[in-house]
N, C-alpha and C. Protein backbone atom coordinates (compact mmCIF):
# COMPACT_ATOMS: atom_id res chain seq x y z
N MET A 1 -75.21 8.04 -12.54
CA MET A 1 -74.57 6.99 -13.33
C MET A 1 -75.26 5.67 -12.99
N MET A 2 -75.60 4.88 -14.02
CA MET A 2 -76.30 3.62 -13.80
C MET A 2 -75.37 2.59 -13.17
N THR A 3 -75.85 1.97 -12.12
CA THR A 3 -75.10 0.95 -11.41
C THR A 3 -75.74 -0.40 -11.65
N ILE A 4 -74.91 -1.45 -11.73
CA ILE A 4 -75.43 -2.80 -11.91
C ILE A 4 -74.95 -3.70 -10.78
N GLN A 5 -75.74 -4.72 -10.52
CA GLN A 5 -75.33 -5.80 -9.65
C GLN A 5 -74.57 -6.77 -10.55
N ALA A 6 -73.24 -6.80 -10.42
CA ALA A 6 -72.41 -7.57 -11.34
C ALA A 6 -72.71 -9.06 -11.23
N SER A 7 -72.94 -9.69 -12.36
CA SER A 7 -73.18 -11.13 -12.39
C SER A 7 -71.90 -11.86 -12.01
N PRO A 8 -72.03 -13.09 -11.50
CA PRO A 8 -70.82 -13.87 -11.19
C PRO A 8 -69.89 -14.02 -12.39
N LEU A 9 -70.46 -14.18 -13.59
CA LEU A 9 -69.63 -14.32 -14.79
C LEU A 9 -68.83 -13.05 -15.04
N LEU A 10 -69.45 -11.89 -14.90
CA LEU A 10 -68.74 -10.63 -15.12
C LEU A 10 -67.62 -10.48 -14.10
N ARG A 11 -67.90 -10.76 -12.86
CA ARG A 11 -66.87 -10.61 -11.82
C ARG A 11 -65.72 -11.59 -12.05
N GLN A 12 -66.04 -12.82 -12.40
CA GLN A 12 -64.98 -13.82 -12.65
C GLN A 12 -64.15 -13.44 -13.87
N ALA A 13 -64.80 -12.95 -14.91
CA ALA A 13 -64.08 -12.55 -16.12
C ALA A 13 -63.17 -11.36 -15.84
N LEU A 14 -63.62 -10.43 -15.01
CA LEU A 14 -62.78 -9.28 -14.66
C LEU A 14 -61.55 -9.72 -13.85
N VAL A 15 -61.76 -10.60 -12.88
CA VAL A 15 -60.64 -11.07 -12.06
C VAL A 15 -59.67 -11.90 -12.89
N ALA A 16 -60.18 -12.75 -13.77
CA ALA A 16 -59.29 -13.55 -14.63
C ALA A 16 -58.51 -12.64 -15.57
N ASP A 17 -59.16 -11.64 -16.13
CA ASP A 17 -58.49 -10.67 -17.00
C ASP A 17 -57.42 -9.92 -16.22
N ALA A 18 -57.73 -9.53 -15.00
CA ALA A 18 -56.77 -8.81 -14.17
C ALA A 18 -55.55 -9.67 -13.87
N THR A 19 -55.77 -10.93 -13.56
CA THR A 19 -54.67 -11.84 -13.24
C THR A 19 -53.76 -12.02 -14.46
N THR A 20 -54.36 -12.28 -15.60
CA THR A 20 -53.58 -12.45 -16.83
C THR A 20 -52.85 -11.17 -17.20
N SER A 21 -53.54 -10.04 -17.10
CA SER A 21 -52.93 -8.76 -17.45
C SER A 21 -51.76 -8.43 -16.54
N ALA A 22 -51.90 -8.69 -15.25
CA ALA A 22 -50.80 -8.43 -14.31
C ALA A 22 -49.60 -9.32 -14.62
N ALA A 23 -49.86 -10.60 -14.89
CA ALA A 23 -48.76 -11.52 -15.19
C ALA A 23 -48.03 -11.11 -16.48
N PHE A 24 -48.79 -10.80 -17.52
CA PHE A 24 -48.18 -10.40 -18.78
C PHE A 24 -47.51 -9.03 -18.66
N GLY A 25 -48.12 -8.13 -17.90
CA GLY A 25 -47.51 -6.83 -17.69
C GLY A 25 -46.16 -6.94 -17.01
N LEU A 26 -46.08 -7.74 -15.96
CA LEU A 26 -44.80 -7.95 -15.29
C LEU A 26 -43.80 -8.62 -16.21
N MET A 27 -44.26 -9.62 -16.95
CA MET A 27 -43.37 -10.34 -17.86
C MET A 27 -42.78 -9.39 -18.89
N MET A 28 -43.62 -8.53 -19.46
CA MET A 28 -43.13 -7.62 -20.50
C MET A 28 -42.27 -6.51 -19.91
N LEU A 29 -42.61 -6.04 -18.73
CA LEU A 29 -41.84 -4.98 -18.12
C LEU A 29 -40.45 -5.47 -17.70
N ILE A 30 -40.42 -6.60 -17.03
CA ILE A 30 -39.16 -7.13 -16.51
C ILE A 30 -38.33 -7.81 -17.60
N GLY A 31 -39.00 -8.54 -18.49
CA GLY A 31 -38.27 -9.33 -19.48
C GLY A 31 -38.24 -8.72 -20.86
N ALA A 32 -38.48 -7.42 -20.98
CA ALA A 32 -38.57 -6.78 -22.30
C ALA A 32 -37.33 -7.03 -23.15
N GLY A 33 -36.16 -6.98 -22.55
CA GLY A 33 -34.92 -7.17 -23.32
C GLY A 33 -34.86 -8.55 -23.97
N ALA A 34 -35.09 -9.57 -23.18
CA ALA A 34 -35.04 -10.94 -23.71
C ALA A 34 -36.20 -11.21 -24.68
N LEU A 35 -37.39 -10.72 -24.32
CA LEU A 35 -38.56 -10.96 -25.17
C LEU A 35 -38.44 -10.24 -26.51
N SER A 36 -37.79 -9.09 -26.50
CA SER A 36 -37.61 -8.34 -27.74
C SER A 36 -36.86 -9.18 -28.78
N GLY A 37 -35.82 -9.86 -28.34
CA GLY A 37 -35.07 -10.71 -29.25
C GLY A 37 -35.86 -11.91 -29.73
N ILE A 38 -36.63 -12.49 -28.84
CA ILE A 38 -37.41 -13.68 -29.18
C ILE A 38 -38.57 -13.33 -30.12
N PHE A 39 -39.26 -12.23 -29.81
CA PHE A 39 -40.46 -11.87 -30.56
C PHE A 39 -40.20 -10.92 -31.73
N GLY A 40 -39.02 -10.31 -31.77
CA GLY A 40 -38.75 -9.34 -32.83
C GLY A 40 -39.58 -8.08 -32.68
N LEU A 41 -39.98 -7.77 -31.46
CA LEU A 41 -40.75 -6.56 -31.17
C LEU A 41 -39.86 -5.58 -30.42
N PRO A 42 -40.05 -4.29 -30.63
CA PRO A 42 -39.20 -3.30 -29.96
C PRO A 42 -39.28 -3.41 -28.44
N GLU A 43 -38.10 -3.35 -27.81
CA GLU A 43 -38.04 -3.45 -26.35
C GLU A 43 -38.88 -2.36 -25.69
N MET A 44 -38.82 -1.15 -26.21
CA MET A 44 -39.58 -0.05 -25.62
C MET A 44 -41.08 -0.30 -25.73
N LEU A 45 -41.53 -0.86 -26.83
CA LEU A 45 -42.95 -1.19 -26.98
C LEU A 45 -43.38 -2.18 -25.89
N LEU A 46 -42.57 -3.21 -25.67
CA LEU A 46 -42.90 -4.20 -24.65
C LEU A 46 -42.93 -3.57 -23.26
N ARG A 47 -41.99 -2.70 -22.97
CA ARG A 47 -41.96 -2.02 -21.66
C ARG A 47 -43.19 -1.13 -21.47
N ILE A 48 -43.54 -0.38 -22.51
CA ILE A 48 -44.70 0.50 -22.42
C ILE A 48 -45.98 -0.31 -22.21
N VAL A 49 -46.11 -1.40 -22.96
CA VAL A 49 -47.29 -2.27 -22.80
C VAL A 49 -47.33 -2.82 -21.38
N GLY A 50 -46.18 -3.24 -20.87
CA GLY A 50 -46.12 -3.73 -19.49
C GLY A 50 -46.57 -2.67 -18.50
N LEU A 51 -46.13 -1.43 -18.71
CA LEU A 51 -46.52 -0.33 -17.82
C LEU A 51 -48.01 -0.01 -17.93
N ILE A 52 -48.58 -0.19 -19.09
CA ILE A 52 -50.02 0.05 -19.28
C ILE A 52 -50.83 -1.05 -18.60
N LEU A 53 -50.37 -2.29 -18.73
CA LEU A 53 -51.14 -3.42 -18.22
C LEU A 53 -51.22 -3.46 -16.69
N LEU A 54 -50.21 -2.98 -16.00
CA LEU A 54 -50.22 -3.10 -14.54
C LEU A 54 -51.32 -2.26 -13.87
N PRO A 55 -51.47 -0.98 -14.18
CA PRO A 55 -52.59 -0.24 -13.57
C PRO A 55 -53.95 -0.73 -14.08
N TYR A 56 -53.99 -1.16 -15.34
CA TYR A 56 -55.22 -1.73 -15.89
C TYR A 56 -55.63 -2.96 -15.07
N ALA A 57 -54.66 -3.83 -14.80
CA ALA A 57 -54.94 -5.04 -14.02
C ALA A 57 -55.45 -4.68 -12.62
N ALA A 58 -54.85 -3.67 -12.02
CA ALA A 58 -55.29 -3.25 -10.68
C ALA A 58 -56.73 -2.75 -10.72
N LEU A 59 -57.05 -1.95 -11.73
CA LEU A 59 -58.40 -1.41 -11.85
C LEU A 59 -59.43 -2.50 -12.06
N ILE A 60 -59.20 -3.38 -13.02
CA ILE A 60 -60.24 -4.39 -13.29
C ILE A 60 -60.27 -5.47 -12.21
N GLY A 61 -59.14 -5.70 -11.55
CA GLY A 61 -59.17 -6.61 -10.40
C GLY A 61 -60.04 -6.04 -9.29
N TRP A 62 -59.90 -4.75 -9.05
CA TRP A 62 -60.72 -4.07 -8.05
C TRP A 62 -62.19 -4.12 -8.46
N LEU A 63 -62.48 -3.87 -9.74
CA LEU A 63 -63.87 -3.95 -10.22
C LEU A 63 -64.44 -5.35 -10.02
N GLY A 64 -63.62 -6.37 -10.32
CA GLY A 64 -64.08 -7.75 -10.21
C GLY A 64 -64.39 -8.18 -8.78
N LEU A 65 -63.86 -7.47 -7.82
CA LEU A 65 -64.12 -7.79 -6.41
C LEU A 65 -65.34 -7.05 -5.86
N ARG A 66 -65.89 -6.16 -6.63
CA ARG A 66 -67.05 -5.38 -6.20
C ARG A 66 -68.34 -6.08 -6.63
N GLU A 67 -69.35 -5.97 -5.80
CA GLU A 67 -70.65 -6.54 -6.17
C GLU A 67 -71.42 -5.61 -7.10
N GLN A 68 -71.22 -4.31 -6.93
CA GLN A 68 -71.89 -3.34 -7.80
C GLN A 68 -70.83 -2.56 -8.58
N ILE A 69 -71.14 -2.34 -9.85
CA ILE A 69 -70.21 -1.66 -10.76
C ILE A 69 -71.01 -0.64 -11.55
N HIS A 70 -70.40 0.47 -11.86
CA HIS A 70 -71.05 1.43 -12.75
C HIS A 70 -71.05 0.83 -14.16
N LYS A 71 -72.21 0.78 -14.75
CA LYS A 71 -72.37 0.14 -16.06
C LYS A 71 -71.47 0.75 -17.14
N PRO A 72 -71.35 2.07 -17.24
CA PRO A 72 -70.47 2.63 -18.28
C PRO A 72 -69.00 2.20 -18.11
N ILE A 73 -68.57 2.01 -16.89
CA ILE A 73 -67.19 1.56 -16.67
C ILE A 73 -67.03 0.12 -17.15
N ALA A 74 -68.02 -0.72 -16.88
CA ALA A 74 -67.97 -2.11 -17.35
C ALA A 74 -67.96 -2.15 -18.88
N TRP A 75 -68.79 -1.30 -19.51
CA TRP A 75 -68.80 -1.24 -20.97
C TRP A 75 -67.45 -0.75 -21.50
N ALA A 76 -66.82 0.18 -20.80
CA ALA A 76 -65.52 0.69 -21.23
C ALA A 76 -64.47 -0.42 -21.21
N VAL A 77 -64.55 -1.32 -20.23
CA VAL A 77 -63.61 -2.45 -20.17
C VAL A 77 -63.83 -3.37 -21.36
N VAL A 78 -65.07 -3.69 -21.64
CA VAL A 78 -65.39 -4.57 -22.78
C VAL A 78 -64.90 -3.95 -24.09
N LEU A 79 -65.23 -2.69 -24.30
CA LEU A 79 -64.83 -2.01 -25.54
C LEU A 79 -63.31 -1.83 -25.60
N GLY A 80 -62.69 -1.57 -24.47
CA GLY A 80 -61.23 -1.44 -24.43
C GLY A 80 -60.55 -2.74 -24.81
N ASN A 81 -61.08 -3.85 -24.33
CA ASN A 81 -60.51 -5.14 -24.69
C ASN A 81 -60.69 -5.43 -26.18
N ALA A 82 -61.86 -5.11 -26.71
CA ALA A 82 -62.08 -5.33 -28.15
C ALA A 82 -61.13 -4.46 -28.97
N LEU A 83 -60.93 -3.22 -28.53
CA LEU A 83 -60.01 -2.32 -29.23
C LEU A 83 -58.56 -2.82 -29.13
N TRP A 84 -58.18 -3.35 -27.97
CA TRP A 84 -56.83 -3.90 -27.79
C TRP A 84 -56.59 -5.04 -28.79
N ALA A 85 -57.56 -5.93 -28.92
CA ALA A 85 -57.43 -7.05 -29.85
C ALA A 85 -57.30 -6.55 -31.29
N ALA A 86 -58.13 -5.58 -31.66
CA ALA A 86 -58.06 -5.03 -33.01
C ALA A 86 -56.72 -4.32 -33.25
N ASP A 87 -56.25 -3.58 -32.26
CA ASP A 87 -54.97 -2.89 -32.40
C ASP A 87 -53.81 -3.87 -32.50
N SER A 88 -53.92 -5.01 -31.85
CA SER A 88 -52.87 -6.03 -31.93
C SER A 88 -52.74 -6.54 -33.36
N VAL A 89 -53.88 -6.78 -34.00
CA VAL A 89 -53.86 -7.23 -35.39
C VAL A 89 -53.33 -6.11 -36.29
N LEU A 90 -53.76 -4.87 -36.02
CA LEU A 90 -53.28 -3.72 -36.79
C LEU A 90 -51.76 -3.60 -36.68
N LEU A 91 -51.22 -3.84 -35.51
CA LEU A 91 -49.77 -3.78 -35.32
C LEU A 91 -49.06 -4.75 -36.26
N LEU A 92 -49.61 -5.94 -36.40
CA LEU A 92 -48.97 -6.96 -37.24
C LEU A 92 -49.06 -6.63 -38.73
N VAL A 93 -50.13 -6.02 -39.16
CA VAL A 93 -50.30 -5.75 -40.59
C VAL A 93 -49.82 -4.36 -40.99
N SER A 94 -49.46 -3.54 -40.02
CA SER A 94 -49.08 -2.15 -40.30
C SER A 94 -47.70 -1.99 -40.92
N GLY A 95 -46.82 -2.94 -40.65
CA GLY A 95 -45.44 -2.79 -41.10
C GLY A 95 -44.59 -1.99 -40.12
N TRP A 96 -45.16 -1.56 -38.99
CA TRP A 96 -44.42 -0.78 -37.99
C TRP A 96 -43.41 -1.63 -37.24
N VAL A 97 -43.66 -2.94 -37.18
CA VAL A 97 -42.76 -3.87 -36.50
C VAL A 97 -42.45 -5.02 -37.44
N ALA A 98 -41.37 -5.72 -37.14
CA ALA A 98 -40.97 -6.89 -37.94
C ALA A 98 -40.83 -8.09 -37.00
N PRO A 99 -41.97 -8.63 -36.54
CA PRO A 99 -41.90 -9.72 -35.58
C PRO A 99 -41.37 -11.01 -36.18
N THR A 100 -40.81 -11.83 -35.32
CA THR A 100 -40.42 -13.19 -35.70
C THR A 100 -41.68 -14.04 -35.76
N SER A 101 -41.54 -15.29 -36.14
CA SER A 101 -42.69 -16.20 -36.11
C SER A 101 -43.24 -16.30 -34.70
N ALA A 102 -42.35 -16.36 -33.72
CA ALA A 102 -42.79 -16.40 -32.32
C ALA A 102 -43.52 -15.11 -31.95
N GLY A 103 -43.07 -13.99 -32.49
CA GLY A 103 -43.72 -12.72 -32.23
C GLY A 103 -45.12 -12.67 -32.81
N TYR A 104 -45.28 -13.15 -34.04
CA TYR A 104 -46.62 -13.23 -34.63
C TYR A 104 -47.53 -14.11 -33.77
N ALA A 105 -47.01 -15.27 -33.37
CA ALA A 105 -47.81 -16.19 -32.56
C ALA A 105 -48.19 -15.55 -31.23
N PHE A 106 -47.25 -14.86 -30.60
CA PHE A 106 -47.51 -14.21 -29.31
C PHE A 106 -48.58 -13.14 -29.45
N VAL A 107 -48.44 -12.26 -30.42
CA VAL A 107 -49.39 -11.15 -30.58
C VAL A 107 -50.78 -11.69 -30.93
N ILE A 108 -50.85 -12.66 -31.81
CA ILE A 108 -52.15 -13.25 -32.18
C ILE A 108 -52.77 -13.97 -30.99
N ALA A 109 -51.98 -14.75 -30.26
CA ALA A 109 -52.51 -15.49 -29.12
C ALA A 109 -53.04 -14.53 -28.05
N GLN A 110 -52.27 -13.49 -27.73
CA GLN A 110 -52.74 -12.58 -26.69
C GLN A 110 -53.97 -11.82 -27.16
N ALA A 111 -54.06 -11.50 -28.46
CA ALA A 111 -55.25 -10.83 -28.98
C ALA A 111 -56.48 -11.72 -28.84
N LEU A 112 -56.32 -13.01 -29.10
CA LEU A 112 -57.43 -13.95 -28.97
C LEU A 112 -57.87 -14.10 -27.51
N VAL A 113 -56.90 -14.11 -26.60
CA VAL A 113 -57.23 -14.21 -25.17
C VAL A 113 -57.98 -12.95 -24.73
N VAL A 114 -57.51 -11.78 -25.15
CA VAL A 114 -58.18 -10.53 -24.80
C VAL A 114 -59.59 -10.49 -25.38
N LEU A 115 -59.75 -10.97 -26.60
CA LEU A 115 -61.07 -11.03 -27.21
C LEU A 115 -61.98 -11.99 -26.46
N MET A 116 -61.43 -13.10 -25.98
CA MET A 116 -62.20 -14.04 -25.18
C MET A 116 -62.69 -13.36 -23.89
N TYR A 117 -61.79 -12.63 -23.22
CA TYR A 117 -62.21 -11.91 -22.01
C TYR A 117 -63.29 -10.89 -22.33
N ALA A 118 -63.16 -10.19 -23.44
CA ALA A 118 -64.19 -9.21 -23.83
C ALA A 118 -65.54 -9.91 -24.01
N GLU A 119 -65.52 -11.08 -24.62
CA GLU A 119 -66.77 -11.82 -24.82
C GLU A 119 -67.38 -12.25 -23.49
N PHE A 120 -66.58 -12.82 -22.61
CA PHE A 120 -67.09 -13.22 -21.28
C PHE A 120 -67.61 -12.01 -20.51
N GLN A 121 -66.89 -10.90 -20.59
CA GLN A 121 -67.33 -9.70 -19.89
C GLN A 121 -68.62 -9.15 -20.50
N PHE A 122 -68.74 -9.21 -21.81
CA PHE A 122 -69.96 -8.77 -22.49
C PHE A 122 -71.16 -9.61 -22.04
N VAL A 123 -71.00 -10.92 -22.07
CA VAL A 123 -72.09 -11.81 -21.65
C VAL A 123 -72.40 -11.59 -20.17
N GLY A 124 -71.35 -11.47 -19.35
CA GLY A 124 -71.55 -11.23 -17.93
C GLY A 124 -72.24 -9.90 -17.66
N LEU A 125 -71.91 -8.90 -18.45
CA LEU A 125 -72.55 -7.59 -18.32
C LEU A 125 -74.03 -7.68 -18.68
N ARG A 126 -74.33 -8.42 -19.73
CA ARG A 126 -75.72 -8.59 -20.14
C ARG A 126 -76.54 -9.35 -19.09
N ARG A 127 -75.87 -10.22 -18.32
CA ARG A 127 -76.55 -11.00 -17.27
C ARG A 127 -76.68 -10.21 -15.96
N SER A 128 -76.03 -9.08 -15.88
CA SER A 128 -76.07 -8.27 -14.66
C SER A 128 -77.38 -7.51 -14.57
N GLU A 129 -77.80 -7.22 -13.35
CA GLU A 129 -79.06 -6.55 -13.12
C GLU A 129 -78.82 -5.10 -12.72
N SER A 130 -79.68 -4.22 -13.22
CA SER A 130 -79.59 -2.81 -12.84
C SER A 130 -80.00 -2.64 -11.40
N VAL A 131 -79.37 -1.66 -10.75
CA VAL A 131 -79.66 -1.37 -9.36
C VAL A 131 -80.17 0.07 -9.26
N ALA A 132 -81.23 0.28 -8.51
CA ALA A 132 -81.73 1.63 -8.30
C ALA A 132 -80.81 2.34 -7.31
N VAL A 133 -80.37 3.53 -7.68
CA VAL A 133 -79.44 4.26 -6.80
C VAL A 133 -80.16 5.41 -6.16
């Protein structure tokens, strides 16, 4: 498996993504009941997303602390973030949920933040150097 020397930008983007993901994961897991009413999103959806974000945050936080990363794993994080942003938009246009105005704003804002992290991680990945193993 190809290993890279992670660029400072890639490592910082991973740690920032991990921090944000952990905070939002906890918020959605613990506050799903209250947030459901505010955002008009199903409580169970918020809880499941919170449960998904916590191990994700741990994984990418761990990756961000490493100097060397397997390149396919870094690409998987970038592609996963891009897919998350696309799925967020799909959720809003699908008719599966009936969000409030605050819910639309929340889903769009978090999708834009995730897309921003994907961009920083992509650029950071491109700046990383391959390592002979």
